[in-house]
Amino acid sequence: MNAPERFPVDRTTVDAKAEDFDGVVLPGGVANPDQPRTDGPVVEFLQSFAATGRPIAAICHGPWT
C-alpha cells in the first residue's frame, strides 16, 4: 500500500477568512470528517462560509462536519 500524499499547509482555519474562498470541499471517509466537526475554529469557519451563500461540497461522511 502506498503512503498517503502530503501537502504543505499555507493557512489554518484559525487564520482563514470565508471571503478569501470561492468554495469549500469537505473530505469523506470516517476519520477525516469526524475530527473537524469537533474543532471549534473549523466549525466557526464553516458557519461563516455558509453565511456567504457560496458552495460547500461534501464527500461521503463529509456532511458530519
PDB file of N, CA and C in Angstrom:
ATOM      1  N   MET A   1       0.848  -1.176   0.000  1.00  0.00           N
ATOM      2  CA  MET A   1       0.000   0.000   0.000  1.00  0.00           C
ATOM      3  C   MET A   1       0.897   1.243   0.000  1.00  0.00           C
ATOM      4  N   ASN A   2       0.562   2.208  -0.805  1.00  0.00           N
ATOM      5  CA  ASN A   2       1.333   3.445  -0.881  1.00  0.00           C
ATOM      6  C   ASN A   2       1.008   4.371   0.283  1.00  0.00           C
ATOM      7  N   ALA A   3       2.011   5.103   0.708  1.00  0.00           N
ATOM      8  CA  ALA A   3       1.790   6.101   1.767  1.00  0.00           C
ATOM      9  C   ALA A   3       0.927   7.232   1.202  1.00  0.00           C
ATOM     10  N   PRO A   4       0.065   7.826   2.022  1.00  0.00           N
ATOM     11  CA  PRO A   4      -0.769   8.927   1.527  1.00  0.00           C
ATOM     12  C   PRO A   4       0.091  10.127   1.141  1.00  0.00           C
ATOM     13  N   GLU A   5      -0.376  10.870   0.157  1.00  0.00           N
ATOM     14  CA  GLU A   5       0.338  12.084  -0.223  1.00  0.00           C
ATOM     15  C   GLU A   5       0.193  13.114   0.874  1.00  0.00           C
ATOM     16  N   ARG A   6       1.192  13.936   1.017  1.00  0.00           N
ATOM     17  CA  ARG A   6       1.159  15.023   1.996  1.00  0.00           C
ATOM     18  C   ARG A   6       1.341  16.333   1.253  1.00  0.00           C
ATOM     19  N   PHE A   7       0.645  17.332   1.694  1.00  0.00           N
ATOM     20  CA  PHE A   7       0.712  18.640   1.070  1.00  0.00           C
ATOM     21  C   PHE A   7       1.007  19.691   2.129  1.00  0.00           C
ATOM     22  N   PRO A   8       1.800  20.704   1.796  1.00  0.00           N
ATOM     23  CA  PRO A   8       2.110  21.746   2.779  1.00  0.00           C
ATOM     24  C   PRO A   8       0.853  22.566   3.119  1.00  0.00           C
ATOM     25  N   VAL A   9       0.770  22.986   4.343  1.00  0.00           N
ATOM     26  CA  VAL A   9      -0.342  23.812   4.808  1.00  0.00           C
ATOM     27  C   VAL A   9       0.086  25.266   4.720  1.00  0.00           C
ATOM     28  N   ASP A  10      -0.707  26.087   4.039  1.00  0.00           N
ATOM     29  CA  ASP A  10      -0.352  27.501   3.939  1.00  0.00           C
ATOM     30  C   ASP A  10      -1.251  28.382   4.804  1.00  0.00           C
ATOM     31  N   ARG A  11      -2.309  27.794   5.377  1.00  0.00           N
ATOM     32  CA  ARG A  11      -3.204  28.568   6.232  1.00  0.00           C
ATOM     33  C   ARG A  11      -4.061  27.599   7.039  1.00  0.00           C
ATOM     34  N   THR A  12      -4.244  27.864   8.311  1.00  0.00           N
ATOM     35  CA  THR A  12      -5.134  27.040   9.129  1.00  0.00           C
ATOM     36  C   THR A  12      -6.492  27.720   9.212  1.00  0.00           C
ATOM     37  N   THR A  13      -7.482  27.007   9.727  1.00  0.00           N
ATOM     38  CA  THR A  13      -8.818  27.597   9.840  1.00  0.00           C
ATOM     39  C   THR A  13      -8.852  28.757  10.822  1.00  0.00           C
ATOM     40  N   VAL A  14      -7.908  28.815  11.741  1.00  0.00           N
ATOM     41  CA  VAL A  14      -7.835  29.951  12.666  1.00  0.00           C
ATOM     42  C   VAL A  14      -7.551  31.236  11.887  1.00  0.00           C
ATOM     43  N   ASP A  15      -6.713  31.124  10.853  1.00  0.00           N
ATOM     44  CA  ASP A  15      -6.322  32.286  10.056  1.00  0.00           C
ATOM     45  C   ASP A  15      -7.173  32.490   8.803  1.00  0.00           C
ATOM     46  N   ALA A  16      -7.965  31.505   8.434  1.00  0.00           N
ATOM     47  CA  ALA A  16      -8.746  31.577   7.192  1.00  0.00           C
ATOM     48  C   ALA A  16      -9.934  32.519   7.349  1.00  0.00           C
ATOM     49  N   LYS A  17     -10.232  33.212   6.268  1.00  0.00           N
ATOM     50  CA  LYS A  17     -11.399  34.096   6.223  1.00  0.00           C
ATOM     51  C   LYS A  17     -12.304  33.603   5.106  1.00  0.00           C
ATOM     52  N   ALA A  18     -13.588  33.477   5.392  1.00  0.00           N
ATOM     53  CA  ALA A  18     -14.538  32.939   4.422  1.00  0.00           C
ATOM     54  C   ALA A  18     -14.506  33.703   3.109  1.00  0.00           C
ATOM     55  N   GLU A  19     -14.317  35.005   3.168  1.00  0.00           N
ATOM     56  CA  GLU A  19     -14.354  35.813   1.944  1.00  0.00           C
ATOM     57  C   GLU A  19     -13.165  35.549   1.018  1.00  0.00           C
ATOM     58  N   ASP A  20     -12.158  34.822   1.499  1.00  0.00           N
ATOM     59  CA  ASP A  20     -10.992  34.516   0.678  1.00  0.00           C
ATOM     60  C   ASP A  20     -11.181  33.274  -0.203  1.00  0.00           C
ATOM     61  N   PHE A  21     -12.317  32.599  -0.087  1.00  0.00           N
ATOM     62  CA  PHE A  21     -12.528  31.337  -0.789  1.00  0.00           C
ATOM     63  C   PHE A  21     -13.801  31.383  -1.624  1.00  0.00           C
ATOM     64  N   ASP A  22     -13.761  30.685  -2.766  1.00  0.00           N
ATOM     65  CA  ASP A  22     -14.927  30.597  -3.645  1.00  0.00           C
ATOM     66  C   ASP A  22     -15.791  29.392  -3.327  1.00  0.00           C
ATOM     67  N   GLY A  23     -15.225  28.392  -2.692  1.00  0.00           N
ATOM     68  CA  GLY A  23     -15.952  27.171  -2.347  1.00  0.00           C
ATOM     69  C   GLY A  23     -15.157  26.365  -1.345  1.00  0.00           C
ATOM     70  N   VAL A  24     -15.826  25.394  -0.728  1.00  0.00           N
ATOM     71  CA  VAL A  24     -15.200  24.510   0.255  1.00  0.00           C
ATOM     72  C   VAL A  24     -15.588  23.076  -0.091  1.00  0.00           C
ATOM     73  N   VAL A  25     -14.628  22.159   0.011  1.00  0.00           N
ATOM     74  CA  VAL A  25     -14.904  20.731  -0.150  1.00  0.00           C
ATOM     75  C   VAL A  25     -14.585  20.042   1.164  1.00  0.00           C
ATOM     76  N   LEU A  26     -15.573  19.374   1.728  1.00  0.00           N
ATOM     77  CA  LEU A  26     -15.381  18.632   2.975  1.00  0.00           C
ATOM     78  C   LEU A  26     -15.007  17.199   2.621  1.00  0.00           C
ATOM     79  N   PRO A  27     -13.930  16.678   3.218  1.00  0.00           N
ATOM     80  CA  PRO A  27     -13.444  15.349   2.845  1.00  0.00           C
ATOM     81  C   PRO A  27     -14.374  14.233   3.305  1.00  0.00           C
ATOM     82  N   GLY A  28     -14.229  13.099   2.637  1.00  0.00           N
ATOM     83  CA  GLY A  28     -15.009  11.930   3.003  1.00  0.00           C
ATOM     84  C   GLY A  28     -14.227  10.990   3.892  1.00  0.00           C
ATOM     85  N   GLY A  29     -14.697   9.769   3.951  1.00  0.00           N
ATOM     86  CA  GLY A  29     -14.097   8.788   4.837  1.00  0.00           C
ATOM     87  C   GLY A  29     -14.771   8.849   6.193  1.00  0.00           C
ATOM     88  N   VAL A  30     -14.173   8.243   7.177  1.00  0.00           N
ATOM     89  CA  VAL A  30     -14.753   8.266   8.520  1.00  0.00           C
ATOM     90  C   VAL A  30     -13.976   9.210   9.422  1.00  0.00           C
ATOM     91  N   ALA A  31     -12.654   9.046   9.528  1.00  0.00           N
ATOM     92  CA  ALA A  31     -11.857   9.885  10.425  1.00  0.00           C
ATOM     93  C   ALA A  31     -11.752  11.318   9.915  1.00  0.00           C
ATOM     94  N   ASN A  32     -11.643  11.507   8.600  1.00  0.00           N
ATOM     95  CA  ASN A  32     -11.465  12.856   8.057  1.00  0.00           C
ATOM     96  C   ASN A  32     -12.564  13.824   8.498  1.00  0.00           C
ATOM     97  N   PRO A  33     -13.848  13.503   8.374  1.00  0.00           N
ATOM     98  CA  PRO A  33     -14.861  14.453   8.807  1.00  0.00           C
ATOM     99  C   PRO A  33     -15.127  14.408  10.311  1.00  0.00           C
ATOM    100  N   ASP A  34     -14.754  13.330  10.968  1.00  0.00           N
ATOM    101  CA  ASP A  34     -15.032  13.222  12.396  1.00  0.00           C
ATOM    102  C   ASP A  34     -14.178  14.186  13.205  1.00  0.00           C
ATOM    103  N   GLN A  35     -12.932  14.373  12.830  1.00  0.00           N
ATOM    104  CA  GLN A  35     -12.054  15.274  13.576  1.00  0.00           C
ATOM    105  C   GLN A  35     -12.447  16.740  13.424  1.00  0.00           C
ATOM    106  N   PRO A  36     -12.704  17.253  12.215  1.00  0.00           N
ATOM    107  CA  PRO A  36     -13.042  18.674  12.090  1.00  0.00           C
ATOM    108  C   PRO A  36     -14.359  19.070  12.765  1.00  0.00           C
ATOM    109  N   ARG A  37     -15.312  18.153  12.847  1.00  0.00           N
ATOM    110  CA  ARG A  37     -16.612  18.537  13.411  1.00  0.00           C
ATOM    111  C   ARG A  37     -16.537  18.858  14.901  1.00  0.00           C
ATOM    112  N   THR A  38     -15.443  18.453  15.546  1.00  0.00           N
ATOM    113  CA  THR A  38     -15.273  18.749  16.970  1.00  0.00           C
ATOM    114  C   THR A  38     -14.226  19.841  17.199  1.00  0.00           C
ATOM    115  N   ASP A  39     -13.767  20.464  16.114  1.00  0.00           N
ATOM    116  CA  ASP A  39     -12.743  21.511  16.187  1.00  0.00           C
ATOM    117  C   ASP A  39     -13.420  22.871  16.048  1.00  0.00           C
ATOM    118  N   GLY A  40     -13.452  23.634  17.125  1.00  0.00           N
ATOM    119  CA  GLY A  40     -14.145  24.921  17.153  1.00  0.00           C
ATOM    120  C   GLY A  40     -13.806  25.857  16.006  1.00  0.00           C
ATOM    121  N   PRO A  41     -12.523  26.119  15.718  1.00  0.00           N
ATOM    122  CA  PRO A  41     -12.196  27.009  14.613  1.00  0.00           C
ATOM    123  C   PRO A  41     -12.694  26.507  13.252  1.00  0.00           C
ATOM    124  N   VAL A  42     -12.690  25.188  13.046  1.00  0.00           N
ATOM    125  CA  VAL A  42     -13.207  24.639  11.787  1.00  0.00           C
ATOM    126  C   VAL A  42     -14.697  24.915  11.678  1.00  0.00           C
ATOM    127  N   VAL A  43     -15.423  24.627  12.741  1.00  0.00           N
ATOM    128  CA  VAL A  43     -16.878  24.839  12.736  1.00  0.00           C
ATOM    129  C   VAL A  43     -17.199  26.318  12.544  1.00  0.00           C
ATOM    130  N   GLU A  44     -16.473  27.193  13.217  1.00  0.00           N
ATOM    131  CA  GLU A  44     -16.703  28.639  13.058  1.00  0.00           C
ATOM    132  C   GLU A  44     -16.431  29.091  11.636  1.00  0.00           C
ATOM    133  N   PHE A  45     -15.333  28.593  11.035  1.00  0.00           N
ATOM    134  CA  PHE A  45     -15.030  28.951   9.651  1.00  0.00           C
ATOM    135  C   PHE A  45     -16.159  28.490   8.728  1.00  0.00           C
ATOM    136  N   LEU A  46     -16.596  27.242   8.889  1.00  0.00           N
ATOM    137  CA  LEU A  46     -17.639  26.718   8.008  1.00  0.00           C
ATOM    138  C   LEU A  46     -18.958  27.461   8.190  1.00  0.00           C
ATOM    139  N   GLN A  47     -19.278  27.834   9.411  1.00  0.00           N
ATOM    140  CA  GLN A  47     -20.504  28.612   9.637  1.00  0.00           C
ATOM    141  C   GLN A  47     -20.411  29.969   8.942  1.00  0.00           C
ATOM    142  N   SER A  48     -19.268  30.624   9.063  1.00  0.00           N
ATOM    143  CA  SER A  48     -19.122  31.925   8.407  1.00  0.00           C
ATOM    144  C   SER A  48     -19.094  31.765   6.895  1.00  0.00           C
ATOM    145  N   PHE A  49     -18.514  30.660   6.403  1.00  0.00           N
ATOM    146  CA  PHE A  49     -18.512  30.430   4.967  1.00  0.00           C
ATOM    147  C   PHE A  49     -19.923  30.154   4.467  1.00  0.00           C
ATOM    148  N   ALA A  50     -20.676  29.341   5.186  1.00  0.00           N
ATOM    149  CA  ALA A  50     -22.053  29.027   4.780  1.00  0.00           C
ATOM    150  C   ALA A  50     -22.894  30.295   4.703  1.00  0.00           C
ATOM    151  N   ALA A  51     -22.630  31.243   5.569  1.00  0.00           N
ATOM    152  CA  ALA A  51     -23.381  32.501   5.578  1.00  0.00           C
ATOM    153  C   ALA A  51     -23.138  33.324   4.311  1.00  0.00           C
ATOM    154  N   THR A  52     -22.042  33.046   3.582  1.00  0.00           N
ATOM    155  CA  THR A  52     -21.771  33.785   2.345  1.00  0.00           C
ATOM    156  C   THR A  52     -22.637  33.296   1.194  1.00  0.00           C
ATOM    157  N   GLY A  53     -23.219  32.117   1.326  1.00  0.00           N
ATOM    158  CA  GLY A  53     -24.038  31.552   0.262  1.00  0.00           C
ATOM    159  C   GLY A  53     -23.239  30.865  -0.835  1.00  0.00           C
ATOM    160  N   ARG A  54     -21.925  30.780  -0.665  1.00  0.00           N
ATOM    161  CA  ARG A  54     -21.081  30.110  -1.659  1.00  0.00           C
ATOM    162  C   ARG A  54     -21.180  28.591  -1.471  1.00  0.00           C
ATOM    163  N   PRO A  55     -20.780  27.839  -2.493  1.00  0.00           N
ATOM    164  CA  PRO A  55     -20.979  26.385  -2.436  1.00  0.00           C
ATOM    165  C   PRO A  55     -20.069  25.660  -1.447  1.00  0.00           C
ATOM    166  N   ILE A  56     -20.663  24.664  -0.810  1.00  0.00           N
ATOM    167  CA  ILE A  56     -19.935  23.737   0.054  1.00  0.00           C
ATOM    168  C   ILE A  56     -20.253  22.337  -0.469  1.00  0.00           C
ATOM    169  N   ALA A  57     -19.223  21.607  -0.864  1.00  0.00           N
ATOM    170  CA  ALA A  57     -19.390  20.238  -1.337  1.00  0.00           C
ATOM    171  C   ALA A  57     -18.950  19.284  -0.234  1.00  0.00           C
ATOM    172  N   ALA A  58     -19.577  18.129  -0.183  1.00  0.00           N
ATOM    173  CA  ALA A  58     -19.224  17.138   0.835  1.00  0.00           C
ATOM    174  C   ALA A  58     -19.140  15.762   0.186  1.00  0.00           C
ATOM    175  N   ILE A  59     -18.092  15.032   0.513  1.00  0.00           N
ATOM    176  CA  ILE A  59     -17.877  13.695   0.014  1.00  0.00           C
ATOM    177  C   ILE A  59     -18.179  12.715   1.135  1.00  0.00           C
ATOM    178  N   CYS A  60     -18.932  11.665   0.816  1.00  0.00           N
ATOM    179  CA  CYS A  60     -19.173  10.546   1.733  1.00  0.00           C
ATOM    180  C   CYS A  60     -19.698  11.041   3.099  1.00  0.00           C
ATOM    181  N   HIS A  61     -18.897  10.923   4.160  1.00  0.00           N
ATOM    182  CA  HIS A  61     -19.288  11.331   5.509  1.00  0.00           C
ATOM    183  C   HIS A  61     -19.013  12.812   5.779  1.00  0.00           C
ATOM    184  N   GLY A  62     -18.603  13.560   4.767  1.00  0.00           N
ATOM    185  CA  GLY A  62     -18.308  14.985   4.926  1.00  0.00           C
ATOM    186  C   GLY A  62     -19.402  15.796   5.596  1.00  0.00           C
ATOM    187  N   PRO A  63     -20.694  15.500   5.338  1.00  0.00           N
ATOM    188  CA  PRO A  63     -21.743  16.285   5.993  1.00  0.00           C
ATOM    189  C   PRO A  63     -21.740  16.207   7.533  1.00  0.00           C
ATOM    190  N   TRP A  64     -21.035  15.235   8.112  1.00  0.00           N
ATOM    191  CA  TRP A  64     -20.916  15.214   9.572  1.00  0.00           C
ATOM    192  C   TRP A  64     -20.378  16.537  10.093  1.00  0.00           C
ATOM    193  N   THR A  65     -19.441  17.108   9.344  1.00  0.00           N
ATOM    194  CA  THR A  65     -18.839  18.362   9.774  1.00  0.00           C
ATOM    195  C   THR A  65     -19.870  19.455   9.739  1.00  0.00           C
TER     196      THR A  65
END
